[in-house]
PDB file of all heavy atoms in Angstrom:
ATOM      1  N   MET A   1       0.820  -1.213   0.000  1.00  0.00           N
ATOM      2  CA  MET A   1       0.000   0.000   0.000  1.00  0.00           C
ATOM      3  C   MET A   1       0.854   1.264   0.000  1.00  0.00           C
ATOM      4  O   MET A   1       0.621   2.171  -0.778  1.00  0.00           O
ATOM      5  CB  MET A   1      -0.933  -0.003   1.207  1.00  0.00           C
ATOM      6  CG  MET A   1      -2.047  -1.025   1.100  1.00  0.00           C
ATOM      7  SD  MET A   1      -3.078  -1.007   2.544  1.00  0.00           S
ATOM      8  CE  MET A   1      -3.621   0.691   2.505  1.00  0.00           C
ATOM      9  N   LEU A   2       1.832   1.320   0.894  1.00  0.00           N
ATOM     10  CA  LEU A   2       2.655   2.520   0.955  1.00  0.00           C
ATOM     11  C   LEU A   2       3.531   2.669  -0.285  1.00  0.00           C
ATOM     12  O   LEU A   2       3.902   3.778  -0.655  1.00  0.00           O
ATOM     13  CB  LEU A   2       3.511   2.507   2.227  1.00  0.00           C
ATOM     14  CG  LEU A   2       2.725   2.636   3.540  1.00  0.00           C
ATOM     15  CD1 LEU A   2       3.675   2.689   4.723  1.00  0.00           C
ATOM     16  CD2 LEU A   2       1.820   3.856   3.541  1.00  0.00           C
ATOM     17  N   SER A   3       3.834   1.564  -0.956  1.00  0.00           N
ATOM     18  CA  SER A   3       4.613   1.669  -2.189  1.00  0.00           C
ATOM     19  C   SER A   3       3.774   2.226  -3.336  1.00  0.00           C
ATOM     20  O   SER A   3       4.312   2.574  -4.385  1.00  0.00           O
ATOM     21  CB  SER A   3       5.186   0.301  -2.584  1.00  0.00           C
ATOM     22  OG  SER A   3       4.144  -0.614  -2.890  1.00  0.00           O
ATOM     23  N   ASN A   4       2.471   2.316  -3.136  1.00  0.00           N
ATOM     24  CA  ASN A   4       1.578   2.916  -4.129  1.00  0.00           C
ATOM     25  C   ASN A   4       1.420   4.418  -3.911  1.00  0.00           C
ATOM     26  O   ASN A   4       0.675   5.069  -4.642  1.00  0.00           O
ATOM     27  CB  ASN A   4       0.190   2.256  -4.069  1.00  0.00           C
ATOM     28  CG  ASN A   4      -0.126   1.493  -5.345  1.00  0.00           C
ATOM     29  OD1 ASN A   4       0.656   1.483  -6.290  1.00  0.00           O
ATOM     30  ND2 ASN A   4      -1.279   0.862  -5.371  1.00  0.00           N
ATOM     31  N   ILE A   5       2.094   4.954  -2.893  1.00  0.00           N
ATOM     32  CA  ILE A   5       2.027   6.393  -2.603  1.00  0.00           C
ATOM     33  C   ILE A   5       3.353   7.037  -2.984  1.00  0.00           C
ATOM     34  O   ILE A   5       4.415   6.625  -2.520  1.00  0.00           O
ATOM     35  CB  ILE A   5       1.695   6.646  -1.130  1.00  0.00           C
ATOM     36  CG1 ILE A   5       0.320   6.051  -0.803  1.00  0.00           C
ATOM     37  CG2 ILE A   5       1.715   8.146  -0.834  1.00  0.00           C
ATOM     38  CD1 ILE A   5      -0.097   6.223   0.634  1.00  0.00           C
ATOM     39  N   ARG A   6       3.275   8.034  -3.829  1.00  0.00           N
ATOM     40  CA  ARG A   6       4.453   8.667  -4.419  1.00  0.00           C
ATOM     41  C   ARG A   6       4.608  10.090  -3.864  1.00  0.00           C
ATOM     42  O   ARG A   6       3.658  10.865  -3.844  1.00  0.00           O
ATOM     43  CB  ARG A   6       4.246   8.734  -5.928  1.00  0.00           C
ATOM     44  CG  ARG A   6       5.377   9.280  -6.753  1.00  0.00           C
ATOM     45  CD  ARG A   6       4.983   9.181  -8.228  1.00  0.00           C
ATOM     46  NE  ARG A   6       4.489   7.844  -8.565  1.00  0.00           N
ATOM     47  CZ  ARG A   6       3.786   7.563  -9.655  1.00  0.00           C
ATOM     48  NH1 ARG A   6       3.498   8.491 -10.526  1.00  0.00           N
ATOM     49  NH2 ARG A   6       3.379   6.323  -9.886  1.00  0.00           N
ATOM     50  N   ILE A   7       5.807  10.406  -3.407  1.00  0.00           N
ATOM     51  CA  ILE A   7       6.119  11.775  -2.999  1.00  0.00           C
ATOM     52  C   ILE A   7       6.777  12.471  -4.184  1.00  0.00           C
ATOM     53  O   ILE A   7       7.782  11.995  -4.714  1.00  0.00           O
ATOM     54  CB  ILE A   7       7.063  11.803  -1.776  1.00  0.00           C
ATOM     55  CG1 ILE A   7       6.407  11.080  -0.588  1.00  0.00           C
ATOM     56  CG2 ILE A   7       7.417  13.242  -1.409  1.00  0.00           C
ATOM     57  CD1 ILE A   7       5.107  11.684  -0.117  1.00  0.00           C
ATOM     58  N   VAL A   8       6.193  13.596  -4.608  1.00  0.00           N
ATOM     59  CA  VAL A   8       6.679  14.327  -5.777  1.00  0.00           C
ATOM     60  C   VAL A   8       7.163  15.701  -5.333  1.00  0.00           C
ATOM     61  O   VAL A   8       6.403  16.476  -4.739  1.00  0.00           O
ATOM     62  CB  VAL A   8       5.569  14.483  -6.845  1.00  0.00           C
ATOM     63  CG1 VAL A   8       6.101  15.230  -8.064  1.00  0.00           C
ATOM     64  CG2 VAL A   8       5.013  13.110  -7.248  1.00  0.00           C
ATOM     65  N   LEU A   9       8.420  16.002  -5.609  1.00  0.00           N
ATOM     66  CA  LEU A   9       9.008  17.309  -5.291  1.00  0.00           C
ATOM     67  C   LEU A   9       9.226  18.070  -6.588  1.00  0.00           C
ATOM     68  O   LEU A   9       9.906  17.594  -7.491  1.00  0.00           O
ATOM     69  CB  LEU A   9      10.333  17.144  -4.551  1.00  0.00           C
ATOM     70  CG  LEU A   9      10.337  16.260  -3.294  1.00  0.00           C
ATOM     71  CD1 LEU A   9      11.736  16.252  -2.662  1.00  0.00           C
ATOM     72  CD2 LEU A   9       9.303  16.718  -2.289  1.00  0.00           C
ATOM     73  N   VAL A  10       8.642  19.269  -6.679  1.00  0.00           N
ATOM     74  CA  VAL A  10       8.686  20.053  -7.913  1.00  0.00           C
ATOM     75  C   VAL A  10       9.767  21.123  -7.841  1.00  0.00           C
ATOM     76  O   VAL A  10       9.746  21.985  -6.957  1.00  0.00           O
ATOM     77  CB  VAL A  10       7.318  20.707  -8.192  1.00  0.00           C
ATOM     78  CG1 VAL A  10       7.376  21.555  -9.460  1.00  0.00           C
ATOM     79  CG2 VAL A  10       6.234  19.638  -8.316  1.00  0.00           C
ATOM     80  N   GLN A  11      10.714  21.043  -8.748  1.00  0.00           N
ATOM     81  CA  GLN A  11      11.782  22.043  -8.905  1.00  0.00           C
ATOM     82  C   GLN A  11      12.430  22.422  -7.576  1.00  0.00           C
ATOM     83  O   GLN A  11      12.522  23.602  -7.213  1.00  0.00           O
ATOM     84  CB  GLN A  11      11.236  23.294  -9.603  1.00  0.00           C
ATOM     85  CG  GLN A  11      10.970  23.072 -11.082  1.00  0.00           C
ATOM     86  CD  GLN A  11      10.661  24.351 -11.832  1.00  0.00           C
ATOM     87  OE1 GLN A  11      10.377  25.403 -11.234  1.00  0.00           O
ATOM     88  NE2 GLN A  11      10.708  24.289 -13.141  1.00  0.00           N
ATOM     89  N   THR A  12      12.872  21.409  -6.843  1.00  0.00           N
ATOM     90  CA  THR A  12      13.538  21.656  -5.565  1.00  0.00           C
ATOM     91  C   THR A  12      14.813  22.458  -5.794  1.00  0.00           C
ATOM     92  O   THR A  12      15.637  22.118  -6.653  1.00  0.00           O
ATOM     93  CB  THR A  12      13.879  20.319  -4.883  1.00  0.00           C
ATOM     94  OG1 THR A  12      12.700  19.505  -4.865  1.00  0.00           O
ATOM     95  CG2 THR A  12      14.364  20.547  -3.474  1.00  0.00           C
ATOM     96  N   PHE A  13      14.983  23.526  -5.025  1.00  0.00           N
ATOM     97  CA  PHE A  13      16.127  24.429  -5.214  1.00  0.00           C
ATOM     98  C   PHE A  13      17.361  23.915  -4.480  1.00  0.00           C
ATOM     99  O   PHE A  13      18.439  23.848  -5.042  1.00  0.00           O
ATOM    100  CB  PHE A  13      15.769  25.831  -4.714  1.00  0.00           C
ATOM    101  CG  PHE A  13      16.811  26.872  -5.015  1.00  0.00           C
ATOM    102  CD1 PHE A  13      16.849  27.497  -6.260  1.00  0.00           C
ATOM    103  CD2 PHE A  13      17.755  27.223  -4.068  1.00  0.00           C
ATOM    104  CE1 PHE A  13      17.819  28.454  -6.545  1.00  0.00           C
ATOM    105  CE2 PHE A  13      18.729  28.179  -4.347  1.00  0.00           C
ATOM    106  CZ  PHE A  13      18.749  28.795  -5.585  1.00  0.00           C
ATOM    107  N   HIS A  14      17.199  23.536  -3.207  1.00  0.00           N
ATOM    108  CA  HIS A  14      18.330  23.072  -2.411  1.00  0.00           C
ATOM    109  C   HIS A  14      18.379  21.542  -2.427  1.00  0.00           C
ATOM    110  O   HIS A  14      17.436  20.887  -1.961  1.00  0.00           O
ATOM    111  CB  HIS A  14      18.208  23.565  -0.967  1.00  0.00           C
ATOM    112  CG  HIS A  14      18.243  25.058  -0.844  1.00  0.00           C
ATOM    113  ND1 HIS A  14      19.386  25.791  -1.044  1.00  0.00           N
ATOM    114  CD2 HIS A  14      17.259  25.956  -0.559  1.00  0.00           C
ATOM    115  CE1 HIS A  14      19.125  27.081  -0.882  1.00  0.00           C
ATOM    116  NE2 HIS A  14      17.846  27.205  -0.585  1.00  0.00           N
ATOM    117  N   PRO A  15      19.454  20.941  -2.910  1.00  0.00           N
ATOM    118  CA  PRO A  15      19.524  19.475  -2.967  1.00  0.00           C
ATOM    119  C   PRO A  15      19.438  18.821  -1.597  1.00  0.00           C
ATOM    120  O   PRO A  15      18.990  17.685  -1.474  1.00  0.00           O
ATOM    121  CB  PRO A  15      20.872  19.209  -3.639  1.00  0.00           C
ATOM    122  CG  PRO A  15      21.656  20.468  -3.474  1.00  0.00           C
ATOM    123  CD  PRO A  15      20.655  21.574  -3.473  1.00  0.00           C
ATOM    124  N   GLY A  16      19.845  19.563  -0.543  1.00  0.00           N
ATOM    125  CA  GLY A  16      19.745  19.008   0.804  1.00  0.00           C
ATOM    126  C   GLY A  16      18.308  18.681   1.184  1.00  0.00           C
ATOM    127  O   GLY A  16      18.052  17.735   1.946  1.00  0.00           O
ATOM    128  N   ASN A  17      17.368  19.444   0.650  1.00  0.00           N
ATOM    129  CA  ASN A  17      15.962  19.187   0.949  1.00  0.00           C
ATOM    130  C   ASN A  17      15.483  17.871   0.332  1.00  0.00           C
ATOM    131  O   ASN A  17      14.551  17.242   0.836  1.00  0.00           O
ATOM    132  CB  ASN A  17      15.092  20.333   0.445  1.00  0.00           C
ATOM    133  CG  ASN A  17      15.159  21.540   1.355  1.00  0.00           C
ATOM    134  OD1 ASN A  17      15.364  21.411   2.553  1.00  0.00           O
ATOM    135  ND2 ASN A  17      14.995  22.724   0.782  1.00  0.00           N
ATOM    136  N   ILE A  18      16.113  17.462  -0.762  1.00  0.00           N
ATOM    137  CA  ILE A  18      15.774  16.170  -1.367  1.00  0.00           C
ATOM    138  C   ILE A  18      16.198  15.045  -0.429  1.00  0.00           C
ATOM    139  O   ILE A  18      15.431  14.119  -0.153  1.00  0.00           O
ATOM    140  CB  ILE A  18      16.456  16.023  -2.740  1.00  0.00           C
ATOM    141  CG1 ILE A  18      15.906  17.072  -3.718  1.00  0.00           C
ATOM    142  CG2 ILE A  18      16.256  14.611  -3.294  1.00  0.00           C
ATOM    143  CD1 ILE A  18      16.633  17.107  -5.055  1.00  0.00           C
ATOM    144  N   GLY A  19      17.427  15.135   0.083  1.00  0.00           N
ATOM    145  CA  GLY A  19      17.911  14.109   1.000  1.00  0.00           C
ATOM    146  C   GLY A  19      17.109  14.070   2.290  1.00  0.00           C
ATOM    147  O   GLY A  19      16.759  12.985   2.779  1.00  0.00           O
ATOM    148  N   ALA A  20      16.807  15.241   2.856  1.00  0.00           N
ATOM    149  CA  ALA A  20      16.035  15.300   4.101  1.00  0.00           C
ATOM    150  C   ALA A  20      14.625  14.756   3.893  1.00  0.00           C
ATOM    151  O   ALA A  20      14.069  14.101   4.775  1.00  0.00           O
ATOM    152  CB  ALA A  20      15.991  16.734   4.613  1.00  0.00           C
ATOM    153  N   SER A  21      14.049  15.009   2.720  1.00  0.00           N
ATOM    154  CA  SER A  21      12.712  14.484   2.417  1.00  0.00           C
ATOM    155  C   SER A  21      12.750  12.966   2.291  1.00  0.00           C
ATOM    156  O   SER A  21      11.833  12.266   2.748  1.00  0.00           O
ATOM    157  CB  SER A  21      12.175  15.113   1.123  1.00  0.00           C
ATOM    158  OG  SER A  21      11.978  16.505   1.271  1.00  0.00           O
ATOM    159  N   ALA A  22      13.807  12.445   1.666  1.00  0.00           N
ATOM    160  CA  ALA A  22      13.955  10.993   1.539  1.00  0.00           C
ATOM    161  C   ALA A  22      14.053  10.345   2.917  1.00  0.00           C
ATOM    162  O   ALA A  22      13.458   9.288   3.167  1.00  0.00           O
ATOM    163  CB  ALA A  22      15.186  10.664   0.701  1.00  0.00           C
ATOM    164  N   ARG A  23      14.775  10.977   3.816  1.00  0.00           N
ATOM    165  CA  ARG A  23      14.899  10.456   5.181  1.00  0.00           C
ATOM    166  C   ARG A  23      13.546  10.468   5.883  1.00  0.00           C
ATOM    167  O   ARG A  23      13.170   9.499   6.554  1.00  0.00           O
ATOM    168  CB  ARG A  23      15.912  11.301   5.956  1.00  0.00           C
ATOM    169  CG  ARG A  23      16.157  10.815   7.372  1.00  0.00           C
ATOM    170  CD  ARG A  23      17.189  11.684   8.072  1.00  0.00           C
ATOM    171  NE  ARG A  23      17.485  11.195   9.406  1.00  0.00           N
ATOM    172  CZ  ARG A  23      18.331  11.781  10.241  1.00  0.00           C
ATOM    173  NH1 ARG A  23      18.976  12.871   9.860  1.00  0.00           N
ATOM    174  NH2 ARG A  23      18.537  11.273  11.452  1.00  0.00           N
ATOM    175  N   ALA A  24      12.797  11.574   5.705  1.00  0.00           N
ATOM    176  CA  ALA A  24      11.460  11.670   6.300  1.00  0.00           C
ATOM    177  C   ALA A  24      10.547  10.568   5.775  1.00  0.00           C
ATOM    178  O   ALA A  24       9.762   9.977   6.522  1.00  0.00           O
ATOM    179  CB  ALA A  24      10.866  13.048   5.997  1.00  0.00           C
ATOM    180  N   MET A  25      10.641  10.286   4.478  1.00  0.00           N
ATOM    181  CA  MET A  25       9.829   9.234   3.874  1.00  0.00           C
ATOM    182  C   MET A  25      10.162   7.863   4.460  1.00  0.00           C
ATOM    183  O   MET A  25       9.263   7.106   4.842  1.00  0.00           O
ATOM    184  CB  MET A  25      10.057   9.209   2.356  1.00  0.00           C
ATOM    185  CG  MET A  25       9.514  10.394   1.600  1.00  0.00           C
ATOM    186  SD  MET A  25      10.124  10.420  -0.114  1.00  0.00           S
ATOM    187  CE  MET A  25       9.549   8.816  -0.724  1.00  0.00           C
ATOM    188  N   LYS A  26      11.436   7.559   4.519  1.00  0.00           N
ATOM    189  CA  LYS A  26      11.848   6.204   4.929  1.00  0.00           C
ATOM    190  C   LYS A  26      11.438   5.898   6.361  1.00  0.00           C
ATOM    191  O   LYS A  26      11.083   4.760   6.683  1.00  0.00           O
ATOM    192  CB  LYS A  26      13.350   6.036   4.752  1.00  0.00           C
ATOM    193  CG  LYS A  26      13.794   4.576   4.889  1.00  0.00           C
ATOM    194  CD  LYS A  26      15.183   4.359   4.336  1.00  0.00           C
ATOM    195  CE  LYS A  26      15.527   2.867   4.348  1.00  0.00           C
ATOM    196  NZ  LYS A  26      16.834   2.602   3.719  1.00  0.00           N
ATOM    197  N   THR A  27      11.460   6.895   7.237  1.00  0.00           N
ATOM    198  CA  THR A  27      11.046   6.662   8.626  1.00  0.00           C
ATOM    199  C   THR A  27       9.577   6.273   8.717  1.00  0.00           C
ATOM    200  O   THR A  27       9.144   5.672   9.704  1.00  0.00           O
ATOM    201  CB  THR A  27      11.279   7.916   9.496  1.00  0.00           C
ATOM    202  OG1 THR A  27      10.506   9.014   8.982  1.00  0.00           O
ATOM    203  CG2 THR A  27      12.741   8.293   9.543  1.00  0.00           C
ATOM    204  N   MET A  28       8.792   6.594   7.696  1.00  0.00           N
ATOM    205  CA  MET A  28       7.366   6.282   7.690  1.00  0.00           C
ATOM    206  C   MET A  28       6.996   5.215   6.662  1.00  0.00           C
ATOM    207  O   MET A  28       5.835   5.050   6.317  1.00  0.00           O
ATOM    208  CB  MET A  28       6.563   7.568   7.430  1.00  0.00           C
ATOM    209  CG  MET A  28       6.722   8.597   8.520  1.00  0.00           C
ATOM    210  SD  MET A  28       6.168   7.961  10.135  1.00  0.00           S
ATOM    211  CE  MET A  28       7.245   8.869  11.238  1.00  0.00           C
ATOM    212  N   GLY A  29       7.983   4.518   6.137  1.00  0.00           N
ATOM    213  CA  GLY A  29       7.713   3.374   5.286  1.00  0.00           C
ATOM    214  C   GLY A  29       7.430   3.692   3.828  1.00  0.00           C
ATOM    215  O   GLY A  29       7.032   2.807   3.076  1.00  0.00           O
ATOM    216  N   LEU A  30       7.621   4.943   3.399  1.00  0.00           N
ATOM    217  CA  LEU A  30       7.420   5.298   1.997  1.00  0.00           C
ATOM    218  C   LEU A  30       8.747   5.269   1.254  1.00  0.00           C
ATOM    219  O   LEU A  30       9.785   5.656   1.798  1.00  0.00           O
ATOM    220  CB  LEU A  30       6.785   6.690   1.872  1.00  0.00           C
ATOM    221  CG  LEU A  30       5.288   6.733   2.195  1.00  0.00           C
ATOM    222  CD1 LEU A  30       5.072   7.000   3.672  1.00  0.00           C
ATOM    223  CD2 LEU A  30       4.569   7.788   1.374  1.00  0.00           C
ATOM    224  N   THR A  31       8.694   4.826   0.001  1.00  0.00           N
ATOM    225  CA  THR A  31       9.935   4.638  -0.757  1.00  0.00           C
ATOM    226  C   THR A  31       9.922   5.278  -2.139  1.00  0.00           C
ATOM    227  O   THR A  31      10.972   5.384  -2.774  1.00  0.00           O
ATOM    228  CB  THR A  31      10.220   3.140  -0.944  1.00  0.00           C
ATOM    229  OG1 THR A  31       9.115   2.527  -1.640  1.00  0.00           O
ATOM    230  CG2 THR A  31      10.402   2.440   0.404  1.00  0.00           C
ATOM    231  N   GLN A  32       8.762   5.691  -2.630  1.00  0.00           N
ATOM    232  CA  GLN A  32       8.651   6.172  -4.005  1.00  0.00           C
ATOM    233  C   GLN A  32       8.818   7.693  -4.070  1.00  0.00           C
ATOM    234  O   GLN A  32       7.921   8.447  -3.672  1.00  0.00           O
ATOM    235  CB  GLN A  32       7.295   5.775  -4.601  1.00  0.00           C
ATOM    236  CG  GLN A  32       7.026   4.279  -4.555  1.00  0.00           C
ATOM    237  CD  GLN A  32       8.086   3.487  -5.298  1.00  0.00           C
ATOM    238  OE1 GLN A  32       8.451   3.817  -6.413  1.00  0.00           O
ATOM    239  NE2 GLN A  32       8.570   2.424  -4.668  1.00  0.00           N
ATOM    240  N   LEU A  33       9.950   8.139  -4.579  1.00  0.00           N
ATOM    241  CA  LEU A  33      10.252   9.568  -4.690  1.00  0.00           C
ATOM    242  C   LEU A  33      10.406   9.942  -6.156  1.00  0.00           C
ATOM    243  O   LEU A  33      11.128   9.278  -6.902  1.00  0.00           O
ATOM    244  CB  LEU A  33      11.551   9.891  -3.934  1.00  0.00           C
ATOM    245  CG  LEU A  33      12.072  11.330  -4.039  1.00  0.00           C
ATOM    246  CD1 LEU A  33      11.076  12.324  -3.450  1.00  0.00           C
ATOM    247  CD2 LEU A  33      13.427  11.458  -3.342  1.00  0.00           C
ATOM    248  N   THR A  34       9.717  11.013  -6.565  1.00  0.00           N
ATOM    249  CA  THR A  34       9.841  11.530  -7.930  1.00  0.00           C
ATOM    250  C   THR A  34      10.231  12.994  -7.861  1.00  0.00           C
ATOM    251  O   THR A  34       9.650  13.777  -7.098  1.00  0.00           O
ATOM    252  CB  THR A  34       8.515  11.384  -8.706  1.00  0.00           C
ATOM    253  OG1 THR A  34       8.199   9.995  -8.825  1.00  0.00           O
ATOM    254  CG2 THR A  34       8.628  11.989 -10.101  1.00  0.00           C
ATOM    255  N   LEU A  35      11.212  13.380  -8.659  1.00  0.00           N
ATOM    256  CA  LEU A  35      11.706  14.759  -8.697  1.00  0.00           C
ATOM    257  C   LEU A  35      11.358  15.369 -10.050  1.00  0.00           C
ATOM    258  O   LEU A  35      11.707  14.813 -11.092  1.00  0.00           O
ATOM    259  CB  LEU A  35      13.218  14.784  -8.485  1.00  0.00           C
ATOM    260  CG  LEU A  35      13.736  14.057  -7.232  1.00  0.00           C
ATOM    261  CD1 LEU A  35      15.259  14.054  -7.221  1.00  0.00           C
ATOM    262  CD2 LEU A  35      13.179  14.700  -5.965  1.00  0.00           C
ATOM    263  N   VAL A  36      10.677  16.491 -10.013  1.00  0.00           N
ATOM    264  CA  VAL A  36      10.311  17.191 -11.240  1.00  0.00           C
ATOM    265  C   VAL A  36      11.300  18.327 -11.474  1.00  0.00           C
ATOM    266  O   VAL A  36      11.330  19.300 -10.716  1.00  0.00           O
ATOM    267  CB  VAL A  36       8.873  17.750 -11.160  1.00  0.00           C
ATOM    268  CG1 VAL A  36       8.524  18.509 -12.445  1.00  0.00           C
ATOM    269  CG2 VAL A  36       7.876  16.627 -10.922  1.00  0.00           C
ATOM    270  N   ASN A  37      12.124  18.172 -12.481  1.00  0.00           N
ATOM    271  CA  ASN A  37      13.056  19.215 -12.897  1.00  0.00           C
ATOM    272  C   ASN A  37      13.820  19.828 -11.719  1.00  0.00           C
ATOM    273  O   ASN A  37      13.775  21.048 -11.505  1.00  0.00           O
ATOM    274  CB  ASN A  37      12.283  20.316 -13.648  1.00  0.00           C
ATOM    275  CG  ASN A  37      13.209  21.238 -14.421  1.00  0.00           C
ATOM    276  OD1 ASN A  37      14.339  20.894 -14.730  1.00  0.00           O
ATOM    277  ND2 ASN A  37      12.719  22.434 -14.723  1.00  0.00           N
ATOM    278  N   PRO A  38      14.542  19.017 -10.928  1.00  0.00           N
ATOM    279  CA  PRO A  38      15.281  19.572  -9.782  1.00  0.00           C
ATOM    280  C   PRO A  38      16.425  20.472 -10.248  1.00  0.00           C
ATOM    281  O   PRO A  38      17.019  20.238 -11.304  1.00  0.00           O
ATOM    282  CB  PRO A  38      15.808  18.322  -9.074  1.00  0.00           C
ATOM    283  CG  PRO A  38      15.899  17.292 -10.159  1.00  0.00           C
ATOM    284  CD  PRO A  38      14.763  17.572 -11.092  1.00  0.00           C
ATOM    285  N   ARG A  39      16.751  21.478  -9.443  1.00  0.00           N
ATOM    286  CA  ARG A  39      17.795  22.438  -9.838  1.00  0.00           C
ATOM    287  C   ARG A  39      19.172  21.771  -9.874  1.00  0.00           C
ATOM    288  O   ARG A  39      19.918  21.962 -10.815  1.00  0.00           O
ATOM    289  CB  ARG A  39      17.811  23.610  -8.856  1.00  0.00           C
ATOM    290  CG  ARG A  39      18.912  24.634  -9.121  1.00  0.00           C
ATOM    291  CD  ARG A  39      18.783  25.824  -8.198  1.00  0.00           C
ATOM    292  NE  ARG A  39      19.938  26.688  -8.279  1.00  0.00           N
ATOM    293  CZ  ARG A  39      21.007  26.589  -7.481  1.00  0.00           C
ATOM    294  NH1 ARG A  39      21.050  25.637  -6.557  1.00  0.00           N
ATOM    295  NH2 ARG A  39      22.023  27.419  -7.599  1.00  0.00           N
ATOM    296  N   ARG A  40      19.490  20.960  -8.852  1.00  0.00           N
ATOM    297  CA  ARG A  40      20.774  20.262  -8.810  1.00  0.00           C
ATOM    298  C   ARG A  40      20.544  18.834  -8.325  1.00  0.00           C
ATOM    299  O   ARG A  40      20.195  18.622  -7.157  1.00  0.00           O
ATOM    300  CB  ARG A  40      21.740  20.970  -7.855  1.00  0.00           C
ATOM    301  CG  ARG A  40      22.405  22.203  -8.444  1.00  0.00           C
ATOM    302  CD  ARG A  40      23.128  23.030  -7.386  1.00  0.00           C
ATOM    303  NE  ARG A  40      23.765  22.252  -6.344  1.00  0.00           N
ATOM    304  CZ  ARG A  40      24.014  22.737  -5.113  1.00  0.00           C
ATOM    305  NH1 ARG A  40      23.657  23.968  -4.803  1.00  0.00           N
ATOM    306  NH2 ARG A  40      24.615  21.990  -4.212  1.00  0.00           N
ATOM    307  N   PHE A  41      20.737  17.898  -9.233  1.00  0.00           N
ATOM    308  CA  PHE A  41      20.581  16.495  -8.881  1.00  0.00           C
ATOM    309  C   PHE A  41      21.126  15.636 -10.016  1.00  0.00           C
ATOM    310  O   PHE A  41      20.854  15.933 -11.187  1.00  0.00           O
ATOM    311  CB  PHE A  41      19.110  16.156  -8.621  1.00  0.00           C
ATOM    312  CG  PHE A  41      18.926  14.787  -8.017  1.00  0.00           C
ATOM    313  CD1 PHE A  41      19.085  14.585  -6.664  1.00  0.00           C
ATOM    314  CD2 PHE A  41      18.622  13.698  -8.825  1.00  0.00           C
ATOM    315  CE1 PHE A  41      18.927  13.322  -6.112  1.00  0.00           C
ATOM    316  CE2 PHE A  41      18.470  12.434  -8.289  1.00  0.00           C
ATOM    317  CZ  PHE A  41      18.613  12.249  -6.924  1.00  0.00           C
ATOM    318  N   PRO A  42      21.893  14.591  -9.663  1.00  0.00           N
ATOM    319  CA  PRO A  42      22.318  14.193  -8.316  1.00  0.00           C
ATOM    320  C   PRO A  42      23.302  15.187  -7.702  1.00  0.00           C
ATOM    321  O   PRO A  42      23.962  15.942  -8.425  1.00  0.00           O
ATOM    322  CB  PRO A  42      22.960  12.828  -8.548  1.00  0.00           C
ATOM    323  CG  PRO A  42      23.360  12.824  -9.986  1.00  0.00           C
ATOM    324  CD  PRO A  42      22.387  13.690 -10.710  1.00  0.00           C
ATOM    325  N   ASP A  43      23.388  15.139  -6.386  1.00  0.00           N
ATOM    326  CA  ASP A  43      24.254  16.076  -5.666  1.00  0.00           C
ATOM    327  C   ASP A  43      24.689  15.439  -4.350  1.00  0.00           C
ATOM    328  O   ASP A  43      23.889  14.748  -3.692  1.00  0.00           O
ATOM    329  CB  ASP A  43      23.503  17.385  -5.407  1.00  0.00           C
ATOM    330  CG  ASP A  43      24.403  18.478  -4.868  1.00  0.00           C
ATOM    331  OD1 ASP A  43      24.565  18.545  -3.624  1.00  0.00           O
ATOM    332  OD2 ASP A  43      24.937  19.266  -5.676  1.00  0.00           O
ATOM    333  N   GLU A  44      25.909  15.661  -3.964  1.00  0.00           N
ATOM    334  CA  GLU A  44      26.452  15.059  -2.756  1.00  0.00           C
ATOM    335  C   GLU A  44      25.676  15.476  -1.510  1.00  0.00           C
ATOM    336  O   GLU A  44      25.491  14.690  -0.572  1.00  0.00           O
ATOM    337  CB  GLU A  44      27.926  15.438  -2.604  1.00  0.00           C
ATOM    338  CG  GLU A  44      28.617  14.764  -1.425  1.00  0.00           C
ATOM    339  CD  GLU A  44      30.089  15.128  -1.344  1.00  0.00           C
ATOM    340  OE1 GLU A  44      30.625  15.707  -2.309  1.00  0.00           O
ATOM    341  OE2 GLU A  44      30.699  14.823  -0.298  1.00  0.00           O
ATOM    342  N   GLU A  45      25.198  16.722  -1.492  1.00  0.00           N
ATOM    343  CA  GLU A  45      24.457  17.211  -0.326  1.00  0.00           C
ATOM    344  C   GLU A  45      23.166  16.413  -0.121  1.00  0.00           C
ATOM    345  O   GLU A  45      22.783  16.114   1.008  1.00  0.00           O
ATOM    346  CB  GLU A  45      24.129  18.697  -0.491  1.00  0.00           C
ATOM    347  CG  GLU A  45      23.481  19.314   0.743  1.00  0.00           C
ATOM    348  CD  GLU A  45      23.184  20.793   0.567  1.00  0.00           C
ATOM    349  OE1 GLU A  45      23.560  21.353  -0.476  1.00  0.00           O
ATOM    350  OE2 GLU A  45      22.562  21.372   1.467  1.00  0.00           O
ATOM    351  N   ALA A  46      22.502  16.053  -1.209  1.00  0.00           N
ATOM    352  CA  ALA A  46      21.275  15.257  -1.113  1.00  0.00           C
ATOM    353  C   ALA A  46      21.580  13.894  -0.500  1.00  0.00           C
ATOM    354  O   ALA A  46      20.841  13.406   0.369  1.00  0.00           O
ATOM    355  CB  ALA A  46      20.647  15.088  -2.487  1.00  0.00           C
TER     356      ALA A  46
END
């Protein structure tokens, strides 16, 4: 069920927010992340 729920981040400016969002997702059992036109990705900070 949770794998059917997708977190979508639109044009994220700071790559660190992508990593922090991924961490927030994993603590709650969600794994599906989609990035729409991110400013910097992949990035070490994420």
